[in-house]
């Protein structure tokens, strides 16, 4: 089953390679979507793909890469668009 999750990750998540590592992990899992920094210090990400893979990346987001200090993850489930074929960092 294809699922789409929209996340907001808070804590020390900018300046610690969170976006780059998220892109790497998402691509390894074959997920589509994107990740970006927000002005308020959070990271926002959208993941779309097989449900088990989306759940795997969500679990990873609770700790992130070495150096990150995640204090919260907000997950919103959305309807899949079936248009997310790559995973990118957006600005």
N, C-alpha and C. Protein backbone atom coordinates (compact mmCIF):
# COMPACT_ATOMS: atom_id res chain seq x y z
N UNK A 1 0.84 -1.18 0.00
CA UNK A 1 0.00 0.00 0.00
C UNK A 1 0.89 1.25 0.00
N UNK A 2 0.56 2.19 -0.85
CA UNK A 2 1.30 3.45 -0.93
C UNK A 2 0.74 4.42 0.09
N UNK A 3 1.65 5.03 0.88
CA UNK A 3 1.26 6.00 1.90
C UNK A 3 2.06 7.28 1.73
N UNK A 4 1.53 8.37 2.26
CA UNK A 4 2.20 9.67 2.22
C UNK A 4 2.14 10.27 3.61
N UNK A 5 3.31 10.65 4.13
CA UNK A 5 3.41 11.25 5.46
C UNK A 5 4.09 12.61 5.35
N UNK A 6 3.53 13.57 6.06
CA UNK A 6 4.06 14.94 6.10
C UNK A 6 4.55 15.17 7.53
N UNK A 7 5.83 15.47 7.69
CA UNK A 7 6.44 15.58 9.02
C UNK A 7 7.01 16.96 9.28
N UNK A 8 6.95 17.34 10.55
CA UNK A 8 7.64 18.51 11.07
C UNK A 8 8.51 18.01 12.22
N UNK A 9 9.83 18.19 12.08
CA UNK A 9 10.79 17.69 13.07
C UNK A 9 11.40 18.87 13.79
N UNK A 10 11.36 18.85 15.11
CA UNK A 10 11.89 19.97 15.89
C UNK A 10 13.06 19.52 16.76
N UNK A 11 13.80 20.49 17.23
CA UNK A 11 14.99 20.25 18.05
C UNK A 11 16.20 20.85 17.36
N UNK A 12 17.36 20.31 17.67
CA UNK A 12 18.59 20.72 16.99
C UNK A 12 18.69 19.89 15.72
N UNK A 13 18.03 20.37 14.66
CA UNK A 13 17.92 19.59 13.43
C UNK A 13 18.41 20.35 12.20
N UNK A 14 18.88 21.57 12.38
CA UNK A 14 19.47 22.32 11.28
C UNK A 14 20.96 22.47 11.55
N UNK A 15 21.75 22.38 10.48
CA UNK A 15 23.20 22.52 10.62
C UNK A 15 23.88 21.25 11.07
N UNK A 16 23.15 20.11 11.02
CA UNK A 16 23.72 18.83 11.45
C UNK A 16 23.56 17.77 10.35
N UNK A 17 23.44 18.23 9.11
CA UNK A 17 23.29 17.36 7.95
C UNK A 17 21.98 16.58 7.96
N UNK A 18 20.97 17.10 8.64
CA UNK A 18 19.68 16.40 8.73
C UNK A 18 19.07 16.23 7.33
N UNK A 19 19.03 17.31 6.55
CA UNK A 19 18.41 17.22 5.22
C UNK A 19 19.16 16.26 4.31
N UNK A 20 20.47 16.37 4.27
CA UNK A 20 21.26 15.51 3.39
C UNK A 20 21.13 14.04 3.77
N UNK A 21 21.17 13.76 5.05
CA UNK A 21 21.07 12.38 5.51
C UNK A 21 19.66 11.85 5.30
N UNK A 22 18.66 12.70 5.47
CA UNK A 22 17.28 12.30 5.21
C UNK A 22 17.12 11.93 3.74
N UNK A 23 17.67 12.75 2.86
CA UNK A 23 17.59 12.45 1.42
C UNK A 23 18.25 11.11 1.12
N UNK A 24 19.43 10.88 1.70
CA UNK A 24 20.14 9.62 1.48
C UNK A 24 19.31 8.42 1.95
N UNK A 25 18.75 8.52 3.14
CA UNK A 25 17.94 7.42 3.70
C UNK A 25 16.69 7.19 2.87
N UNK A 26 16.02 8.28 2.47
CA UNK A 26 14.80 8.15 1.68
C UNK A 26 15.09 7.50 0.33
N UNK A 27 16.17 7.89 -0.30
CA UNK A 27 16.54 7.29 -1.58
C UNK A 27 16.89 5.82 -1.43
N UNK A 28 17.58 5.46 -0.34
CA UNK A 28 17.90 4.05 -0.08
C UNK A 28 16.62 3.23 0.05
N UNK A 29 15.58 3.82 0.63
CA UNK A 29 14.31 3.13 0.83
C UNK A 29 13.40 3.20 -0.39
N UNK A 30 13.80 3.94 -1.40
CA UNK A 30 13.00 4.06 -2.61
C UNK A 30 11.79 4.97 -2.46
N UNK A 31 11.90 5.95 -1.56
CA UNK A 31 10.79 6.86 -1.31
C UNK A 31 10.88 8.11 -2.18
N UNK A 32 9.75 8.69 -2.48
CA UNK A 32 9.69 9.97 -3.14
C UNK A 32 9.36 11.03 -2.11
N UNK A 33 9.55 12.30 -2.49
CA UNK A 33 9.19 13.40 -1.62
C UNK A 33 10.26 14.45 -1.55
N UNK A 34 10.30 15.14 -0.43
CA UNK A 34 11.25 16.25 -0.26
C UNK A 34 11.47 16.55 1.21
N UNK A 35 12.53 17.34 1.46
CA UNK A 35 12.86 17.80 2.81
C UNK A 35 13.38 19.23 2.70
N UNK A 36 13.08 20.05 3.71
CA UNK A 36 13.57 21.43 3.72
C UNK A 36 13.66 21.96 5.14
N UNK A 37 14.52 22.98 5.32
CA UNK A 37 14.60 23.70 6.58
C UNK A 37 13.51 24.76 6.61
N UNK A 38 12.97 25.00 7.80
CA UNK A 38 12.01 26.08 8.00
C UNK A 38 12.68 27.21 8.77
N UNK A 39 12.17 28.40 8.61
CA UNK A 39 12.75 29.56 9.29
C UNK A 39 12.69 29.46 10.81
N UNK A 40 11.74 28.69 11.32
CA UNK A 40 11.59 28.58 12.78
C UNK A 40 12.52 27.54 13.41
N UNK A 41 13.42 26.95 12.60
CA UNK A 41 14.40 26.00 13.12
C UNK A 41 14.00 24.54 12.95
N UNK A 42 12.78 24.29 12.51
CA UNK A 42 12.34 22.91 12.29
C UNK A 42 12.74 22.45 10.89
N UNK A 43 12.61 21.16 10.68
CA UNK A 43 12.76 20.56 9.35
C UNK A 43 11.40 20.01 8.96
N UNK A 44 11.01 20.24 7.72
CA UNK A 44 9.75 19.73 7.18
C UNK A 44 10.09 18.71 6.10
N UNK A 45 9.34 17.60 6.07
CA UNK A 45 9.59 16.57 5.08
C UNK A 45 8.29 15.89 4.67
N UNK A 46 8.26 15.45 3.43
CA UNK A 46 7.15 14.65 2.91
C UNK A 46 7.75 13.38 2.33
N UNK A 47 7.19 12.24 2.73
CA UNK A 47 7.66 10.94 2.25
C UNK A 47 6.48 10.21 1.62
N UNK A 48 6.71 9.61 0.45
CA UNK A 48 5.66 8.83 -0.21
C UNK A 48 6.26 7.56 -0.76
N UNK A 49 5.59 6.44 -0.48
CA UNK A 49 6.05 5.15 -0.96
C UNK A 49 5.36 4.03 -0.21
N UNK A 50 5.97 2.86 -0.29
CA UNK A 50 5.42 1.70 0.40
C UNK A 50 5.31 1.98 1.90
N UNK A 51 4.19 1.58 2.49
CA UNK A 51 3.90 1.93 3.88
C UNK A 51 5.01 1.53 4.84
N UNK A 52 5.55 0.32 4.70
CA UNK A 52 6.60 -0.09 5.63
C UNK A 52 7.84 0.77 5.51
N UNK A 53 8.17 1.21 4.31
CA UNK A 53 9.33 2.07 4.11
C UNK A 53 9.08 3.48 4.67
N UNK A 54 7.86 3.98 4.51
CA UNK A 54 7.52 5.29 5.07
C UNK A 54 7.61 5.22 6.60
N UNK A 55 7.11 4.15 7.18
CA UNK A 55 7.19 3.99 8.64
C UNK A 55 8.64 3.88 9.10
N UNK A 56 9.50 3.23 8.29
CA UNK A 56 10.92 3.12 8.64
C UNK A 56 11.57 4.51 8.70
N UNK A 57 11.31 5.36 7.71
CA UNK A 57 11.94 6.69 7.70
C UNK A 57 11.36 7.56 8.81
N UNK A 58 10.09 7.40 9.13
CA UNK A 58 9.51 8.15 10.25
C UNK A 58 10.24 7.77 11.54
N UNK A 59 10.44 6.49 11.76
CA UNK A 59 11.16 6.04 12.96
C UNK A 59 12.56 6.63 13.00
N UNK A 60 13.23 6.66 11.86
CA UNK A 60 14.58 7.23 11.79
C UNK A 60 14.55 8.72 12.16
N UNK A 61 13.52 9.44 11.74
CA UNK A 61 13.42 10.88 12.00
C UNK A 61 13.36 11.21 13.50
N UNK A 62 12.98 10.26 14.32
CA UNK A 62 12.92 10.51 15.77
C UNK A 62 14.31 10.65 16.39
N UNK A 63 15.36 10.25 15.67
CA UNK A 63 16.72 10.47 16.19
C UNK A 63 17.60 11.19 15.16
N UNK A 64 17.38 10.96 13.86
CA UNK A 64 18.14 11.65 12.83
C UNK A 64 19.59 11.24 12.79
N UNK A 65 20.41 12.05 12.11
CA UNK A 65 21.83 11.73 11.97
C UNK A 65 22.59 12.03 13.26
N UNK A 66 23.84 11.54 13.36
CA UNK A 66 24.67 11.90 14.51
C UNK A 66 24.77 13.43 14.60
N UNK A 67 24.67 13.93 15.80
CA UNK A 67 24.74 15.38 16.01
C UNK A 67 23.38 16.02 16.16
N UNK A 68 22.34 15.40 15.62
CA UNK A 68 20.99 15.94 15.76
C UNK A 68 20.46 15.64 17.16
N UNK A 69 19.60 16.52 17.65
CA UNK A 69 18.92 16.32 18.93
C UNK A 69 17.43 16.58 18.68
N UNK A 70 16.72 15.53 18.32
CA UNK A 70 15.31 15.66 17.98
C UNK A 70 14.48 15.74 19.26
N UNK A 71 13.67 16.79 19.35
CA UNK A 71 12.80 16.94 20.53
C UNK A 71 11.34 16.63 20.21
N UNK A 72 10.99 16.57 18.93
CA UNK A 72 9.61 16.26 18.58
C UNK A 72 9.46 15.98 17.10
N UNK A 73 8.50 15.11 16.79
CA UNK A 73 8.16 14.80 15.41
C UNK A 73 6.64 14.81 15.31
N UNK A 74 6.12 15.67 14.45
CA UNK A 74 4.69 15.73 14.17
C UNK A 74 4.46 15.03 12.83
N UNK A 75 3.58 14.04 12.82
CA UNK A 75 3.31 13.26 11.61
C UNK A 75 1.85 13.45 11.21
N UNK A 76 1.65 13.83 9.97
CA UNK A 76 0.30 13.94 9.41
C UNK A 76 0.23 13.03 8.19
N UNK A 77 -0.75 12.15 8.17
CA UNK A 77 -0.94 11.26 7.03
C UNK A 77 -1.81 11.96 6.00
N UNK A 78 -1.38 11.91 4.74
CA UNK A 78 -2.09 12.56 3.65
C UNK A 78 -2.39 11.54 2.56
N UNK A 79 -3.25 11.94 1.64
CA UNK A 79 -3.54 11.08 0.49
C UNK A 79 -2.32 11.07 -0.44
N UNK A 80 -1.88 9.90 -0.87
CA UNK A 80 -0.75 9.83 -1.81
C UNK A 80 -1.08 10.55 -3.11
N UNK A 81 -0.07 11.16 -3.70
CA UNK A 81 -0.26 11.84 -4.99
C UNK A 81 0.18 10.95 -6.15
N UNK A 82 0.99 9.96 -5.85
CA UNK A 82 1.58 9.09 -6.87
C UNK A 82 2.41 9.89 -7.88
N UNK A 83 2.85 11.07 -7.49
CA UNK A 83 3.68 11.90 -8.36
C UNK A 83 5.11 12.02 -7.82
N UNK A 84 5.33 11.58 -6.59
CA UNK A 84 6.64 11.71 -5.96
C UNK A 84 7.54 10.55 -6.41
N UNK A 85 8.35 10.80 -7.43
CA UNK A 85 9.19 9.73 -7.98
C UNK A 85 10.65 9.87 -7.56
N UNK A 86 11.03 11.02 -7.01
CA UNK A 86 12.40 11.21 -6.54
C UNK A 86 12.32 11.86 -5.16
N UNK A 87 13.45 11.92 -4.49
CA UNK A 87 13.49 12.58 -3.19
C UNK A 87 14.54 13.67 -3.24
N UNK A 88 14.12 14.90 -2.93
CA UNK A 88 14.99 16.06 -3.09
C UNK A 88 15.03 16.95 -1.86
N UNK A 89 16.09 17.72 -1.77
CA UNK A 89 16.17 18.81 -0.80
C UNK A 89 15.65 20.04 -1.52
N UNK A 90 14.68 20.72 -0.90
CA UNK A 90 14.18 21.94 -1.52
C UNK A 90 14.51 23.13 -0.61
N UNK A 91 14.54 24.30 -1.22
CA UNK A 91 14.91 25.51 -0.48
C UNK A 91 13.71 26.41 -0.38
